Amino acid sequence: MANETTFDYSTSIKTAISGTTAVLFCGTIFGFFYAWVCSTMWGLDEADPRVAIEAMQAMNASVRNPVFFPASFLTPVVAFVAAGFARQEQNRVAFRLFTAAGIVIWSAVCC
């Protein structure tokens, strides 16, 4: 066959795995913040402001732990890795979406 086309499956697998991982990490951080806003913040609104401030500071300190670290601080990294693999494959849509996700999450969580 003279017109046989070859395909580099290793790059596609890297892109699929990194993209899936990025979506899962983004979903995890979204779920955390959604639950936080829909339950915790409404509960704090009902409390006396002095108590709410102390409670919020204690909750912020409690989420700084090794279990929460990957979901919060590694999500932008995973999104940028997925964007890099998408760029290697010249997938402009995936590259732009993963880059945008990385920037939004980095600015929301890390700044």
Protein backbone atom coordinates (compact mmCIF):
# COMPACT_ATOMS: atom_id res chain seq x y z
CA MET A 1 0.00 0.00 0.00
CA ALA A 2 1.63 3.18 -1.20
CA ASN A 3 -0.61 5.66 0.66
CA GLU A 4 -0.39 4.07 4.09
CA THR A 5 -0.77 6.64 6.88
CA THR A 6 1.06 6.19 10.16
CA PHE A 7 -0.28 7.47 13.45
CA ASP A 8 1.67 8.13 16.63
CA TYR A 9 -0.53 6.50 19.27
CA SER A 10 1.82 7.35 22.15
CA THR A 11 1.13 11.06 21.80
CA SER A 12 -2.60 10.47 21.57
CA ILE A 13 -2.53 8.32 24.69
CA LYS A 14 -0.55 11.01 26.56
CA THR A 15 -3.05 13.63 25.49
CA ALA A 16 -6.04 11.48 26.41
CA ILE A 17 -4.66 10.59 29.84
CA SER A 18 -3.54 14.13 30.67
CA GLY A 19 -6.79 15.58 29.36
CA THR A 20 -8.90 13.14 31.36
CA THR A 21 -6.82 13.80 34.46
CA ALA A 22 -7.20 17.56 33.99
CA VAL A 23 -10.97 17.25 33.66
CA LEU A 24 -11.14 15.09 36.81
CA PHE A 25 -8.97 17.52 38.78
CA CYS A 26 -11.06 20.49 37.57
CA GLY A 27 -14.23 18.63 38.57
CA THR A 28 -12.80 17.90 41.99
CA ILE A 29 -11.91 21.51 42.73
CA PHE A 30 -15.23 22.71 41.31
CA GLY A 31 -17.11 20.24 43.52
CA PHE A 32 -15.18 21.37 46.58
CA PHE A 33 -15.92 25.04 46.01
CA TYR A 34 -19.54 24.36 45.07
CA ALA A 35 -20.11 22.41 48.29
CA TRP A 36 -18.22 25.08 50.25
CA VAL A 37 -20.37 27.91 48.90
CA CYS A 38 -23.70 26.07 49.10
CA SER A 39 -23.28 24.84 52.65
CA THR A 40 -20.43 26.35 54.62
CA MET A 41 -20.81 29.95 53.53
CA TRP A 42 -24.57 29.96 54.08
CA GLY A 43 -24.03 28.55 57.56
CA LEU A 44 -21.46 31.22 58.34
CA ASP A 45 -23.90 33.91 57.17
CA GLU A 46 -26.24 32.81 59.95
CA ALA A 47 -23.58 33.10 62.65
CA ASP A 48 -22.44 36.15 64.56
CA PRO A 49 -19.73 37.89 62.49
CA ARG A 50 -17.07 37.49 65.19
CA VAL A 51 -17.73 33.76 65.42
CA ALA A 52 -17.96 33.43 61.63
CA ILE A 53 -14.56 35.08 61.11
CA GLU A 54 -12.86 32.74 63.60
CA ALA A 55 -14.64 29.74 62.12
CA MET A 56 -13.65 30.71 58.57
CA GLN A 57 -10.02 31.17 59.56
CA ALA A 58 -10.02 27.74 61.22
CA MET A 59 -11.59 26.12 58.14
CA ASN A 60 -9.07 27.79 55.83
CA ALA A 61 -6.25 26.43 57.97
CA SER A 62 -7.76 22.95 58.02
CA VAL A 63 -7.87 22.60 54.21
CA ARG A 64 -4.14 23.27 53.95
CA ASN A 65 -3.17 19.62 54.19
CA PRO A 66 -1.52 16.92 52.05
CA VAL A 67 -4.85 15.36 51.10
CA PHE A 68 -6.25 18.58 49.64
CA PHE A 69 -2.96 19.73 48.07
CA PRO A 70 -3.26 17.83 44.75
CA ALA A 71 -6.80 19.02 44.07
CA SER A 72 -6.10 22.63 44.86
CA PHE A 73 -2.54 23.36 43.82
CA LEU A 74 -1.82 20.72 41.19
CA THR A 75 -4.99 21.26 39.13
CA PRO A 76 -3.52 24.18 37.15
CA VAL A 77 -0.32 22.20 36.57
CA VAL A 78 -2.28 19.22 35.24
CA ALA A 79 -4.32 21.54 32.99
CA PHE A 80 -1.15 23.12 31.58
CA VAL A 81 0.39 19.68 30.95
CA ALA A 82 -2.75 18.65 29.05
CA ALA A 83 -2.53 21.92 27.10
CA GLY A 84 1.07 21.15 26.21
CA PHE A 85 0.23 17.70 24.89
CA ALA A 86 -2.72 19.11 22.95
CA ARG A 87 -0.41 21.70 21.41
CA GLN A 88 2.03 18.97 20.37
CA GLU A 89 -0.83 17.33 18.48
CA GLN A 90 -1.83 20.71 17.03
CA ASN A 91 -5.26 20.45 18.64
CA ARG A 92 -5.97 24.16 18.97
CA VAL A 93 -9.36 23.83 20.66
CA ALA A 94 -8.09 21.52 23.41
CA PHE A 95 -4.96 23.63 23.81
CA ARG A 96 -6.98 26.81 24.32
CA LEU A 97 -9.51 25.20 26.67
CA PHE A 98 -6.90 23.55 28.91
CA THR A 99 -4.80 26.72 28.93
CA ALA A 100 -7.85 28.79 29.91
CA ALA A 101 -8.75 26.28 32.63
CA GLY A 102 -5.22 26.40 34.00
CA ILE A 103 -5.17 30.19 34.07
CA VAL A 104 -8.61 30.50 35.71
CA ILE A 105 -7.88 27.92 38.39
CA TRP A 106 -4.37 29.23 39.02
CA SER A 107 -5.68 32.76 39.49
CA ALA A 108 -8.53 31.59 41.74
CA VAL A 109 -6.61 29.16 43.93
CA CYS A 110 -2.99 30.24 43.90
CA CYS A 111 -3.24 34.02 43.98
